[in-house]
Amino acid sequence: MRKYNVLKVDSLQDCFLVIANTCENPINDLLCDGDVSFIENGNVIFDLAVINGINFNRFIQVTVESHRLQAKTIKIISDVPTSILEISEKYFKTHKEVIQQSSLPSATKYLLTNA
């Protein structure tokens, strides 16, 4: 299983959604790699539900400039665009194994895959 999946957010200009599939944070991978190949300039929203559950720090936004994550722009977003929530919900409903293999509590797993 890949550590994360990258999905284009068609409803938002220059925006991608990165969904973590494992307990390894994809932000760390992309910062260490020093290269975000899928976007030159724009925003990346990370869905860290597999890591953080449905807590306040589930969604993180980072700006990308010249294919590099700008660490100083990392921020938790609480007002998540509806299009992002819909993409994420659809992803977890069609990839239930990602949630089931996580160490999340059973109630959280249920909410992510059935709500």
PDB file of N, CA and C in Angstrom:
ATOM      1  N   MET A   1       0.844  -1.175   0.000  1.00  0.00           N
ATOM      2  CA  MET A   1       0.000   0.000   0.000  1.00  0.00           C
ATOM      3  C   MET A   1       0.891   1.241   0.000  1.00  0.00           C
ATOM      4  N   ARG A   2       0.511   2.187  -0.819  1.00  0.00           N
ATOM      5  CA  ARG A   2       1.253   3.455  -0.863  1.00  0.00           C
ATOM      6  C   ARG A   2       1.027   4.228   0.430  1.00  0.00           C
ATOM      7  N   LYS A   3       2.007   5.028   0.813  1.00  0.00           N
ATOM      8  CA  LYS A   3       1.901   5.820   2.043  1.00  0.00           C
ATOM      9  C   LYS A   3       0.800   6.865   1.959  1.00  0.00           C
ATOM     10  N   TYR A   4       0.576   7.382   0.768  1.00  0.00           N
ATOM     11  CA  TYR A   4      -0.453   8.401   0.581  1.00  0.00           C
ATOM     12  C   TYR A   4      -0.906   8.442  -0.870  1.00  0.00           C
ATOM     13  N   ASN A   5      -2.087   9.014  -1.080  1.00  0.00           N
ATOM     14  CA  ASN A   5      -2.613   9.217  -2.429  1.00  0.00           C
ATOM     15  C   ASN A   5      -2.790  10.703  -2.667  1.00  0.00           C
ATOM     16  N   VAL A   6      -2.524  11.114  -3.894  1.00  0.00           N
ATOM     17  CA  VAL A   6      -2.644  12.511  -4.300  1.00  0.00           C
ATOM     18  C   VAL A   6      -3.832  12.625  -5.238  1.00  0.00           C
ATOM     19  N   LEU A   7      -4.751  13.534  -4.888  1.00  0.00           N
ATOM     20  CA  LEU A   7      -5.954  13.732  -5.696  1.00  0.00           C
ATOM     21  C   LEU A   7      -6.076  15.206  -6.075  1.00  0.00           C
ATOM     22  N   LYS A   8      -6.343  15.479  -7.339  1.00  0.00           N
ATOM     23  CA  LYS A   8      -6.554  16.854  -7.805  1.00  0.00           C
ATOM     24  C   LYS A   8      -7.933  17.309  -7.359  1.00  0.00           C
ATOM     25  N   VAL A   9      -8.001  18.528  -6.856  1.00  0.00           N
ATOM     26  CA  VAL A   9      -9.281  19.111  -6.455  1.00  0.00           C
ATOM     27  C   VAL A   9      -9.717  20.027  -7.591  1.00  0.00           C
ATOM     28  N   ASP A  10     -10.600  19.519  -8.444  1.00  0.00           N
ATOM     29  CA  ASP A  10     -11.010  20.259  -9.638  1.00  0.00           C
ATOM     30  C   ASP A  10     -11.742  21.555  -9.305  1.00  0.00           C
ATOM     31  N   SER A  11     -12.447  21.575  -8.185  1.00  0.00           N
ATOM     32  CA  SER A  11     -13.249  22.760  -7.854  1.00  0.00           C
ATOM     33  C   SER A  11     -12.419  23.905  -7.271  1.00  0.00           C
ATOM     34  N   LEU A  12     -11.172  23.648  -6.939  1.00  0.00           N
ATOM     35  CA  LEU A  12     -10.284  24.682  -6.400  1.00  0.00           C
ATOM     36  C   LEU A  12      -9.063  24.802  -7.303  1.00  0.00           C
ATOM     37  N   GLN A  13      -8.746  26.016  -7.701  1.00  0.00           N
ATOM     38  CA  GLN A  13      -7.624  26.237  -8.610  1.00  0.00           C
ATOM     39  C   GLN A  13      -6.300  25.948  -7.916  1.00  0.00           C
ATOM     40  N   ASP A  14      -5.427  25.229  -8.601  1.00  0.00           N
ATOM     41  CA  ASP A  14      -4.082  24.919  -8.110  1.00  0.00           C
ATOM     42  C   ASP A  14      -4.113  24.325  -6.708  1.00  0.00           C
ATOM     43  N   CYS A  15      -4.943  23.288  -6.520  1.00  0.00           N
ATOM     44  CA  CYS A  15      -5.073  22.666  -5.210  1.00  0.00           C
ATOM     45  C   CYS A  15      -5.119  21.150  -5.350  1.00  0.00           C
ATOM     46  N   PHE A  16      -4.404  20.470  -4.468  1.00  0.00           N
ATOM     47  CA  PHE A  16      -4.393  19.014  -4.415  1.00  0.00           C
ATOM     48  C   PHE A  16      -4.714  18.568  -3.002  1.00  0.00           C
ATOM     49  N   LEU A  17      -5.315  17.391  -2.906  1.00  0.00           N
ATOM     50  CA  LEU A  17      -5.593  16.761  -1.625  1.00  0.00           C
ATOM     51  C   LEU A  17      -4.686  15.557  -1.514  1.00  0.00           C
ATOM     52  N   VAL A  18      -3.940  15.466  -0.420  1.00  0.00           N
ATOM     53  CA  VAL A  18      -3.078  14.321  -0.148  1.00  0.00           C
ATOM     54  C   VAL A  18      -3.683  13.587   1.044  1.00  0.00           C
ATOM     55  N   ILE A  19      -4.064  12.333   0.819  1.00  0.00           N
ATOM     56  CA  ILE A  19      -4.681  11.533   1.874  1.00  0.00           C
ATOM     57  C   ILE A  19      -3.681  10.505   2.370  1.00  0.00           C
ATOM     58  N   ALA A  20      -3.387  10.562   3.667  1.00  0.00           N
ATOM     59  CA  ALA A  20      -2.465   9.596   4.279  1.00  0.00           C
ATOM     60  C   ALA A  20      -3.122   8.221   4.318  1.00  0.00           C
ATOM     61  N   ASN A  21      -2.364   7.185   3.953  1.00  0.00           N
ATOM     62  CA  ASN A  21      -2.846   5.801   3.995  1.00  0.00           C
ATOM     63  C   ASN A  21      -2.231   5.007   5.139  1.00  0.00           C
ATOM     64  N   THR A  22      -1.198   5.553   5.753  1.00  0.00           N
ATOM     65  CA  THR A  22      -0.501   4.881   6.844  1.00  0.00           C
ATOM     66  C   THR A  22      -0.286   5.872   7.977  1.00  0.00           C
ATOM     67  N   CYS A  23       0.328   5.416   9.037  1.00  0.00           N
ATOM     68  CA  CYS A  23       0.593   6.307  10.174  1.00  0.00           C
ATOM     69  C   CYS A  23       1.783   7.229   9.923  1.00  0.00           C
ATOM     70  N   GLU A  24       2.423   7.108   8.764  1.00  0.00           N
ATOM     71  CA  GLU A  24       3.538   7.986   8.421  1.00  0.00           C
ATOM     72  C   GLU A  24       2.996   9.268   7.782  1.00  0.00           C
ATOM     73  N   ASN A  25       3.402  10.395   8.311  1.00  0.00           N
ATOM     74  CA  ASN A  25       2.885  11.682   7.858  1.00  0.00           C
ATOM     75  C   ASN A  25       3.489  12.071   6.497  1.00  0.00           C
ATOM     76  N   PRO A  26       2.655  12.234   5.468  1.00  0.00           N
ATOM     77  CA  PRO A  26       3.178  12.592   4.142  1.00  0.00           C
ATOM     78  C   PRO A  26       3.815  13.982   4.094  1.00  0.00           C
ATOM     79  N   ILE A  27       3.461  14.850   5.017  1.00  0.00           N
ATOM     80  CA  ILE A  27       4.102  16.170   5.061  1.00  0.00           C
ATOM     81  C   ILE A  27       5.598  15.992   5.280  1.00  0.00           C
ATOM     82  N   ASN A  28       5.962  15.107   6.190  1.00  0.00           N
ATOM     83  CA  ASN A  28       7.387  14.851   6.458  1.00  0.00           C
ATOM     84  C   ASN A  28       8.092  14.333   5.216  1.00  0.00           C
ATOM     85  N   ASP A  29       7.468  13.397   4.512  1.00  0.00           N
ATOM     86  CA  ASP A  29       8.074  12.844   3.297  1.00  0.00           C
ATOM     87  C   ASP A  29       8.324  13.936   2.258  1.00  0.00           C
ATOM     88  N   LEU A  30       7.306  14.770   2.025  1.00  0.00           N
ATOM     89  CA  LEU A  30       7.444  15.805   0.995  1.00  0.00           C
ATOM     90  C   LEU A  30       8.420  16.903   1.413  1.00  0.00           C
ATOM     91  N   LEU A  31       8.495  17.208   2.695  1.00  0.00           N
ATOM     92  CA  LEU A  31       9.496  18.177   3.162  1.00  0.00           C
ATOM     93  C   LEU A  31      10.905  17.624   3.001  1.00  0.00           C
ATOM     94  N   CYS A  32      11.091  16.362   3.368  1.00  0.00           N
ATOM     95  CA  CYS A  32      12.419  15.743   3.268  1.00  0.00           C
ATOM     96  C   CYS A  32      12.855  15.551   1.819  1.00  0.00           C
ATOM     97  N   ASP A  33      11.906  15.183   0.959  1.00  0.00           N
ATOM     98  CA  ASP A  33      12.228  15.003  -0.466  1.00  0.00           C
ATOM     99  C   ASP A  33      12.644  16.317  -1.105  1.00  0.00           C
ATOM    100  N   GLY A  34      12.080  17.413  -0.598  1.00  0.00           N
ATOM    101  CA  GLY A  34      12.402  18.717  -1.161  1.00  0.00           C
ATOM    102  C   GLY A  34      11.779  18.961  -2.519  1.00  0.00           C
ATOM    103  N   ASP A  35      10.844  18.082  -2.926  1.00  0.00           N
ATOM    104  CA  ASP A  35      10.231  18.227  -4.231  1.00  0.00           C
ATOM    105  C   ASP A  35       8.793  17.722  -4.184  1.00  0.00           C
ATOM    106  N   VAL A  36       7.883  18.567  -4.632  1.00  0.00           N
ATOM    107  CA  VAL A  36       6.481  18.184  -4.765  1.00  0.00           C
ATOM    108  C   VAL A  36       6.214  18.135  -6.263  1.00  0.00           C
ATOM    109  N   SER A  37       6.353  16.961  -6.831  1.00  0.00           N
ATOM    110  CA  SER A  37       6.323  16.822  -8.293  1.00  0.00           C
ATOM    111  C   SER A  37       4.960  17.091  -8.909  1.00  0.00           C
ATOM    112  N   PHE A  38       3.889  16.937  -8.165  1.00  0.00           N
ATOM    113  CA  PHE A  38       2.556  17.032  -8.746  1.00  0.00           C
ATOM    114  C   PHE A  38       1.990  18.445  -8.812  1.00  0.00           C
ATOM    115  N   ILE A  39       2.674  19.429  -8.253  1.00  0.00           N
ATOM    116  CA  ILE A  39       2.220  20.818  -8.332  1.00  0.00           C
ATOM    117  C   ILE A  39       3.422  21.757  -8.248  1.00  0.00           C
ATOM    118  N   GLU A  40       3.434  22.757  -9.124  1.00  0.00           N
ATOM    119  CA  GLU A  40       4.528  23.729  -9.098  1.00  0.00           C
ATOM    120  C   GLU A  40       4.250  24.834  -8.084  1.00  0.00           C
ATOM    121  N   ASN A  41       3.080  25.440  -8.181  1.00  0.00           N
ATOM    122  CA  ASN A  41       2.684  26.519  -7.272  1.00  0.00           C
ATOM    123  C   ASN A  41       1.209  26.337  -6.926  1.00  0.00           C
ATOM    124  N   GLY A  42       0.879  26.489  -5.669  1.00  0.00           N
ATOM    125  CA  GLY A  42      -0.515  26.347  -5.244  1.00  0.00           C
ATOM    126  C   GLY A  42      -0.586  25.876  -3.806  1.00  0.00           C
ATOM    127  N   ASN A  43      -1.666  25.156  -3.504  1.00  0.00           N
ATOM    128  CA  ASN A  43      -1.883  24.676  -2.145  1.00  0.00           C
ATOM    129  C   ASN A  43      -2.100  23.177  -2.128  1.00  0.00           C
ATOM    130  N   VAL A  44      -1.626  22.571  -1.071  1.00  0.00           N
ATOM    131  CA  VAL A  44      -1.868  21.158  -0.827  1.00  0.00           C
ATOM    132  C   VAL A  44      -2.573  21.059   0.513  1.00  0.00           C
ATOM    133  N   ILE A  45      -3.672  20.324   0.512  1.00  0.00           N
ATOM    134  CA  ILE A  45      -4.376  20.048   1.761  1.00  0.00           C
ATOM    135  C   ILE A  45      -4.135  18.585   2.084  1.00  0.00           C
ATOM    136  N   PHE A  46      -3.694  18.331   3.292  1.00  0.00           N
ATOM    137  CA  PHE A  46      -3.413  16.976   3.745  1.00  0.00           C
ATOM    138  C   PHE A  46      -4.558  16.507   4.629  1.00  0.00           C
ATOM    139  N   ASP A  47      -5.095  15.329   4.329  1.00  0.00           N
ATOM    140  CA  ASP A  47      -6.092  14.701   5.183  1.00  0.00           C
ATOM    141  C   ASP A  47      -5.340  13.637   5.991  1.00  0.00           C
ATOM    142  N   LEU A  48      -5.176  13.910   7.265  1.00  0.00           N
ATOM    143  CA  LEU A  48      -4.416  13.028   8.148  1.00  0.00           C
ATOM    144  C   LEU A  48      -5.331  12.217   9.058  1.00  0.00           C
ATOM    145  N   ALA A  49      -6.501  11.834   8.552  1.00  0.00           N
ATOM    146  CA  ALA A  49      -7.476  11.092   9.358  1.00  0.00           C
ATOM    147  C   ALA A  49      -6.901   9.777   9.880  1.00  0.00           C
ATOM    148  N   VAL A  50      -6.102   9.094   9.077  1.00  0.00           N
ATOM    149  CA  VAL A  50      -5.523   7.818   9.506  1.00  0.00           C
ATOM    150  C   VAL A  50      -4.547   8.027  10.669  1.00  0.00           C
ATOM    151  N   ILE A  51      -3.969   9.207  10.756  1.00  0.00           N
ATOM    152  CA  ILE A  51      -3.000   9.525  11.807  1.00  0.00           C
ATOM    153  C   ILE A  51      -3.685  10.195  12.993  1.00  0.00           C
ATOM    154  N   ASN A  52      -4.502  11.206  12.729  1.00  0.00           N
ATOM    155  CA  ASN A  52      -5.081  12.031  13.787  1.00  0.00           C
ATOM    156  C   ASN A  52      -6.556  11.777  14.055  1.00  0.00           C
ATOM    157  N   GLY A  53      -7.157  10.876  13.315  1.00  0.00           N
ATOM    158  CA  GLY A  53      -8.590  10.633  13.480  1.00  0.00           C
ATOM    159  C   GLY A  53      -9.389  11.833  13.003  1.00  0.00           C
ATOM    160  N   ILE A  54     -10.509  12.078  13.646  1.00  0.00           N
ATOM    161  CA  ILE A  54     -11.366  13.186  13.225  1.00  0.00           C
ATOM    162  C   ILE A  54     -11.197  14.396  14.144  1.00  0.00           C
ATOM    163  N   ASN A  55     -10.048  14.511  14.745  1.00  0.00           N
ATOM    164  CA  ASN A  55      -9.735  15.623  15.639  1.00  0.00           C
ATOM    165  C   ASN A  55      -9.533  16.922  14.861  1.00  0.00           C
ATOM    166  N   PHE A  56      -9.355  18.012  15.576  1.00  0.00           N
ATOM    167  CA  PHE A  56      -9.205  19.343  14.982  1.00  0.00           C
ATOM    168  C   PHE A  56      -8.013  19.422  14.018  1.00  0.00           C
ATOM    169  N   ASN A  57      -7.015  18.578  14.203  1.00  0.00           N
ATOM    170  CA  ASN A  57      -5.814  18.637  13.368  1.00  0.00           C
ATOM    171  C   ASN A  57      -5.816  17.600  12.240  1.00  0.00           C
ATOM    172  N   ARG A  58      -6.999  17.240  11.786  1.00  0.00           N
ATOM    173  CA  ARG A  58      -7.109  16.277  10.689  1.00  0.00           C
ATOM    174  C   ARG A  58      -6.649  16.878   9.368  1.00  0.00           C
ATOM    175  N   PHE A  59      -7.044  18.117   9.083  1.00  0.00           N
ATOM    176  CA  PHE A  59      -6.720  18.749   7.800  1.00  0.00           C
ATOM    177  C   PHE A  59      -5.662  19.827   7.980  1.00  0.00           C
ATOM    178  N   ILE A  60      -4.603  19.724   7.188  1.00  0.00           N
ATOM    179  CA  ILE A  60      -3.480  20.660   7.230  1.00  0.00           C
ATOM    180  C   ILE A  60      -3.291  21.219   5.826  1.00  0.00           C
ATOM    181  N   GLN A  61      -3.070  22.515   5.743  1.00  0.00           N
ATOM    182  CA  GLN A  61      -2.828  23.160   4.446  1.00  0.00           C
ATOM    183  C   GLN A  61      -1.402  23.685   4.400  1.00  0.00           C
ATOM    184  N   VAL A  62      -0.772  23.507   3.242  1.00  0.00           N
ATOM    185  CA  VAL A  62       0.592  23.989   3.026  1.00  0.00           C
ATOM    186  C   VAL A  62       0.667  24.588   1.626  1.00  0.00           C
ATOM    187  N   THR A  63       1.352  25.707   1.514  1.00  0.00           N
ATOM    188  CA  THR A  63       1.570  26.347   0.220  1.00  0.00           C
ATOM    189  C   THR A  63       2.800  25.738  -0.439  1.00  0.00           C
ATOM    190  N   VAL A  64       2.712  25.580  -1.759  1.00  0.00           N
ATOM    191  CA  VAL A  64       3.830  25.059  -2.553  1.00  0.00           C
ATOM    192  C   VAL A  64       4.298  26.164  -3.486  1.00  0.00           C
ATOM    193  N   GLU A  65       5.600  26.406  -3.501  1.00  0.00           N
ATOM    194  CA  GLU A  65       6.222  27.364  -4.425  1.00  0.00           C
ATOM    195  C   GLU A  65       7.399  26.682  -5.086  1.00  0.00           C
ATOM    196  N   SER A  66       7.429  26.716  -6.398  1.00  0.00           N
ATOM    197  CA  SER A  66       8.509  26.099  -7.182  1.00  0.00           C
ATOM    198  C   SER A  66       8.730  24.641  -6.781  1.00  0.00           C
ATOM    199  N   HIS A  67       7.636  23.896  -6.667  1.00  0.00           N
ATOM    200  CA  HIS A  67       7.661  22.468  -6.331  1.00  0.00           C
ATOM    201  C   HIS A  67       8.184  22.174  -4.924  1.00  0.00           C
ATOM    202  N   ARG A  68       8.165  23.144  -4.024  1.00  0.00           N
ATOM    203  CA  ARG A  68       8.648  22.921  -2.658  1.00  0.00           C
ATOM    204  C   ARG A  68       7.588  23.341  -1.651  1.00  0.00           C
ATOM    205  N   LEU A  69       7.374  22.461  -0.662  1.00  0.00           N
ATOM    206  CA  LEU A  69       6.482  22.837   0.434  1.00  0.00           C
ATOM    207  C   LEU A  69       7.132  23.965   1.213  1.00  0.00           C
ATOM    208  N   GLN A  70       6.363  24.962   1.540  1.00  0.00           N
ATOM    209  CA  GLN A  70       6.854  26.094   2.319  1.00  0.00           C
ATOM    210  C   GLN A  70       6.489  25.843   3.787  1.00  0.00           C
ATOM    211  N   ALA A  71       7.456  25.362   4.549  1.00  0.00           N
ATOM    212  CA  ALA A  71       7.211  24.943   5.935  1.00  0.00           C
ATOM    213  C   ALA A  71       6.572  26.047   6.770  1.00  0.00           C
ATOM    214  N   LYS A  72       6.926  27.279   6.491  1.00  0.00           N
ATOM    215  CA  LYS A  72       6.385  28.396   7.285  1.00  0.00           C
ATOM    216  C   LYS A  72       4.889  28.610   7.065  1.00  0.00           C
ATOM    217  N   THR A  73       4.315  27.961   6.034  1.00  0.00           N
ATOM    218  CA  THR A  73       2.892  28.141   5.735  1.00  0.00           C
ATOM    219  C   THR A  73       2.024  27.004   6.268  1.00  0.00           C
ATOM    220  N   ILE A  74       2.603  26.031   6.935  1.00  0.00           N
ATOM    221  CA  ILE A  74       1.832  24.899   7.458  1.00  0.00           C
ATOM    222  C   ILE A  74       0.830  25.401   8.489  1.00  0.00           C
ATOM    223  N   LYS A  75      -0.452  25.053   8.255  1.00  0.00           N
ATOM    224  CA  LYS A  75      -1.478  25.475   9.216  1.00  0.00           C
ATOM    225  C   LYS A  75      -2.633  24.479   9.231  1.00  0.00           C
ATOM    226  N   ILE A  76      -3.237  24.349  10.386  1.00  0.00           N
ATOM    227  CA  ILE A  76      -4.428  23.529  10.546  1.00  0.00           C
ATOM    228  C   ILE A  76      -5.594  24.311   9.960  1.00  0.00           C
ATOM    229  N   ILE A  77      -6.432  23.643   9.194  1.00  0.00           N
ATOM    230  CA  ILE A  77      -7.622  24.329   8.684  1.00  0.00           C
ATOM    231  C   ILE A  77      -8.866  23.705   9.311  1.00  0.00           C
ATOM    232  N   SER A  78      -9.695  24.560   9.843  1.00  0.00           N
ATOM    233  CA  SER A  78     -10.928  24.089  10.469  1.00  0.00           C
ATOM    234  C   SER A  78     -12.125  24.304   9.551  1.00  0.00           C
ATOM    235  N   ASP A  79     -12.045  25.285   8.670  1.00  0.00           N
ATOM    236  CA  ASP A  79     -13.120  25.563   7.730  1.00  0.00           C
ATOM    237  C   ASP A  79     -12.761  24.893   6.398  1.00  0.00           C
ATOM    238  N   VAL A  80     -12.929  23.583   6.364  1.00  0.00           N
ATOM    239  CA  VAL A  80     -12.524  22.786   5.210  1.00  0.00           C
ATOM    240  C   VAL A  80     -13.560  22.940   4.096  1.00  0.00           C
ATOM    241  N   PRO A  81     -13.113  23.240   2.872  1.00  0.00           N
ATOM    242  CA  PRO A  81     -14.055  23.364   1.762  1.00  0.00           C
ATOM    243  C   PRO A  81     -14.879  22.087   1.573  1.00  0.00           C
ATOM    244  N   THR A  82     -16.136  22.251   1.229  1.00  0.00           N
ATOM    245  CA  THR A  82     -17.051  21.122   1.042  1.00  0.00           C
ATOM    246  C   THR A  82     -16.515  20.135   0.016  1.00  0.00           C
ATOM    247  N   SER A  83     -15.910  20.648  -1.039  1.00  0.00           N
ATOM    248  CA  SER A  83     -15.386  19.756  -2.089  1.00  0.00           C
ATOM    249  C   SER A  83     -14.306  18.826  -1.535  1.00  0.00           C
ATOM    250  N   ILE A  84     -13.487  19.315  -0.620  1.00  0.00           N
ATOM    251  CA  ILE A  84     -12.441  18.493   0.001  1.00  0.00           C
ATOM    252  C   ILE A  84     -13.090  17.411   0.859  1.00  0.00           C
ATOM    253  N   LEU A  85     -14.075  17.794   1.656  1.00  0.00           N
ATOM    254  CA  LEU A  85     -14.769  16.828   2.512  1.00  0.00           C
ATOM    255  C   LEU A  85     -15.435  15.733   1.679  1.00  0.00           C
ATOM    256  N   GLU A  86     -16.021  16.105   0.561  1.00  0.00           N
ATOM    257  CA  GLU A  86     -16.685  15.129  -0.309  1.00  0.00           C
ATOM    258  C   GLU A  86     -15.684  14.159  -0.927  1.00  0.00           C
ATOM    259  N   ILE A  87     -14.560  14.677  -1.393  1.00  0.00           N
ATOM    260  CA  ILE A  87     -13.525  13.825  -1.975  1.00  0.00           C
ATOM    261  C   ILE A  87     -12.999  12.853  -0.922  1.00  0.00           C
ATOM    262  N   SER A  88     -12.732  13.366   0.264  1.00  0.00           N
ATOM    263  CA  SER A  88     -12.209  12.546   1.347  1.00  0.00           C
ATOM    264  C   SER A  88     -13.202  11.459   1.756  1.00  0.00           C
ATOM    265  N   GLU A  89     -14.456  11.848   1.900  1.00  0.00           N
ATOM    266  CA  GLU A  89     -15.496  10.887   2.286  1.00  0.00           C
ATOM    267  C   GLU A  89     -15.605   9.766   1.256  1.00  0.00           C
ATOM    268  N   LYS A  90     -15.622  10.137  -0.016  1.00  0.00           N
ATOM    269  CA  LYS A  90     -15.703   9.132  -1.086  1.00  0.00           C
ATOM    270  C   LYS A  90     -14.477   8.218  -1.070  1.00  0.00           C
ATOM    271  N   TYR A  91     -13.306   8.798  -0.846  1.00  0.00           N
ATOM    272  CA  TYR A  91     -12.070   8.015  -0.812  1.00  0.00           C
ATOM    273  C   TYR A  91     -12.141   6.945   0.269  1.00  0.00           C
ATOM    274  N   PHE A  92     -12.502   7.342   1.484  1.00  0.00           N
ATOM    275  CA  PHE A  92     -12.509   6.381   2.585  1.00  0.00           C
ATOM    276  C   PHE A  92     -13.619   5.343   2.449  1.00  0.00           C
ATOM    277  N   LYS A  93     -14.715   5.693   1.822  1.00  0.00           N
ATOM    278  CA  LYS A  93     -15.780   4.718   1.601  1.00  0.00           C
ATOM    279  C   LYS A  93     -15.383   3.674   0.559  1.00  0.00           C
ATOM    280  N   THR A  94     -14.540   4.061  -0.386  1.00  0.00           N
ATOM    281  CA  THR A  94     -14.107   3.121  -1.423  1.00  0.00           C
ATOM    282  C   THR A  94     -12.761   2.468  -1.104  1.00  0.00           C
ATOM    283  N   HIS A  95     -12.094   2.918  -0.055  1.00  0.00           N
ATOM    284  CA  HIS A  95     -10.822   2.343   0.381  1.00  0.00           C
ATOM    285  C   HIS A  95     -10.887   2.020   1.877  1.00  0.00           C
ATOM    286  N   LYS A  96     -11.884   1.246   2.252  1.00  0.00           N
ATOM    287  CA  LYS A  96     -12.107   0.931   3.664  1.00  0.00           C
ATOM    288  C   LYS A  96     -10.910   0.233   4.309  1.00  0.00           C
ATOM    289  N   GLU A  97     -10.141  -0.465   3.499  1.00  0.00           N
ATOM    290  CA  GLU A  97      -8.977  -1.181   4.047  1.00  0.00           C
ATOM    291  C   GLU A  97      -7.958  -0.221   4.657  1.00  0.00           C
ATOM    292  N   VAL A  98      -7.870   0.996   4.140  1.00  0.00           N
ATOM    293  CA  VAL A  98      -6.949   1.997   4.683  1.00  0.00           C
ATOM    294  C   VAL A  98      -7.308   2.285   6.137  1.00  0.00           C
ATOM    295  N   ILE A  99      -8.586   2.483   6.383  1.00  0.00           N
ATOM    296  CA  ILE A  99      -9.059   2.783   7.736  1.00  0.00           C
ATOM    297  C   ILE A  99      -8.981   1.539   8.612  1.00  0.00           C
ATOM    298  N   GLN A 100      -9.393   0.394   8.093  1.00  0.00           N
ATOM    299  CA  GLN A 100      -9.420  -0.825   8.900  1.00  0.00           C
ATOM    300  C   GLN A 100      -8.023  -1.244   9.366  1.00  0.00           C
ATOM    301  N   GLN A 101      -6.988  -0.948   8.589  1.00  0.00           N
ATOM    302  CA  GLN A 101      -5.615  -1.308   8.961  1.00  0.00           C
ATOM    303  C   GLN A 101      -4.981  -0.300   9.902  1.00  0.00           C
ATOM    304  N   SER A 102      -5.660   0.792  10.156  1.00  0.00           N
ATOM    305  CA  SER A 102      -5.109   1.824  11.041  1.00  0.00           C
ATOM    306  C   SER A 102      -5.295   1.423  12.499  1.00  0.00           C
ATOM    307  N   SER A 103      -4.681   2.195  13.375  1.00  0.00           N
ATOM    308  CA  SER A 103      -4.813   1.947  14.818  1.00  0.00           C
ATOM    309  C   SER A 103      -5.868   2.859  15.445  1.00  0.00           C
ATOM    310  N   LEU A 104      -6.746   3.414  14.631  1.00  0.00           N
ATOM    311  CA  LEU A 104      -7.806   4.284  15.124  1.00  0.00           C
ATOM    312  C   LEU A 104      -8.808   3.482  15.952  1.00  0.00           C
ATOM    313  N   PRO A 105      -9.489   4.144  16.891  1.00  0.00           N
ATOM    314  CA  PRO A 105     -10.547   3.459  17.648  1.00  0.00           C
ATOM    315  C   PRO A 105     -11.671   2.999  16.716  1.00  0.00           C
ATOM    316  N   SER A 106     -12.359   1.951  17.094  1.00  0.00           N
ATOM    317  CA  SER A 106     -13.424   1.378  16.268  1.00  0.00           C
ATOM    318  C   SER A 106     -14.502   2.403  15.906  1.00  0.00           C
ATOM    319  N   ALA A 107     -14.868   3.247  16.838  1.00  0.00           N
ATOM    320  CA  ALA A 107     -15.908   4.246  16.571  1.00  0.00           C
ATOM    321  C   ALA A 107     -15.455   5.223  15.480  1.00  0.00           C
ATOM    322  N   THR A 108     -14.205   5.625  15.523  1.00  0.00           N
ATOM    323  CA  THR A 108     -13.666   6.544  14.506  1.00  0.00           C
ATOM    324  C   THR A 108     -13.616   5.851  13.143  1.00  0.00           C
ATOM    325  N   LYS A 109     -13.197   4.590  13.145  1.00  0.00           N
ATOM    326  CA  LYS A 109     -13.171   3.826  11.890  1.00  0.00           C
ATOM    327  C   LYS A 109     -14.574   3.777  11.273  1.00  0.00           C
ATOM    328  N   TYR A 110     -15.567   3.525  12.116  1.00  0.00           N
ATOM    329  CA  TYR A 110     -16.944   3.462  11.629  1.00  0.00           C
ATOM    330  C   TYR A 110     -17.375   4.794  11.036  1.00  0.00           C
ATOM    331  N   LEU A 111     -17.095   5.884  11.743  1.00  0.00           N
ATOM    332  CA  LEU A 111     -17.491   7.207  11.266  1.00  0.00           C
ATOM    333  C   LEU A 111     -16.842   7.554   9.924  1.00  0.00           C
ATOM    334  N   LEU A 112     -15.579   7.198   9.770  1.00  0.00           N
ATOM    335  CA  LEU A 112     -14.871   7.522   8.529  1.00  0.00           C
ATOM    336  C   LEU A 112     -15.337   6.709   7.339  1.00  0.00           C
ATOM    337  N   THR A 113     -15.789   5.492   7.586  1.00  0.00           N
ATOM    338  CA  THR A 113     -16.150   4.626   6.456  1.00  0.00           C
ATOM    339  C   THR A 113     -17.660   4.531   6.218  1.00  0.00           C
ATOM    340  N   ASN A 114     -18.469   5.014   7.158  1.00  0.00           N
ATOM    341  CA  ASN A 114     -19.912   4.855   7.014  1.00  0.00           C
ATOM    342  C   ASN A 114     -20.727   6.135   7.139  1.00  0.00           C
ATOM    343  N   ALA A 115     -20.136   7.178   7.652  1.00  0.00           N
ATOM    344  CA  ALA A 115     -20.927   8.405   7.902  1.00  0.00           C
ATOM    345  C   ALA A 115     -21.197   9.155   6.628  1.00  0.00           C
TER     346      ALA A 115
END
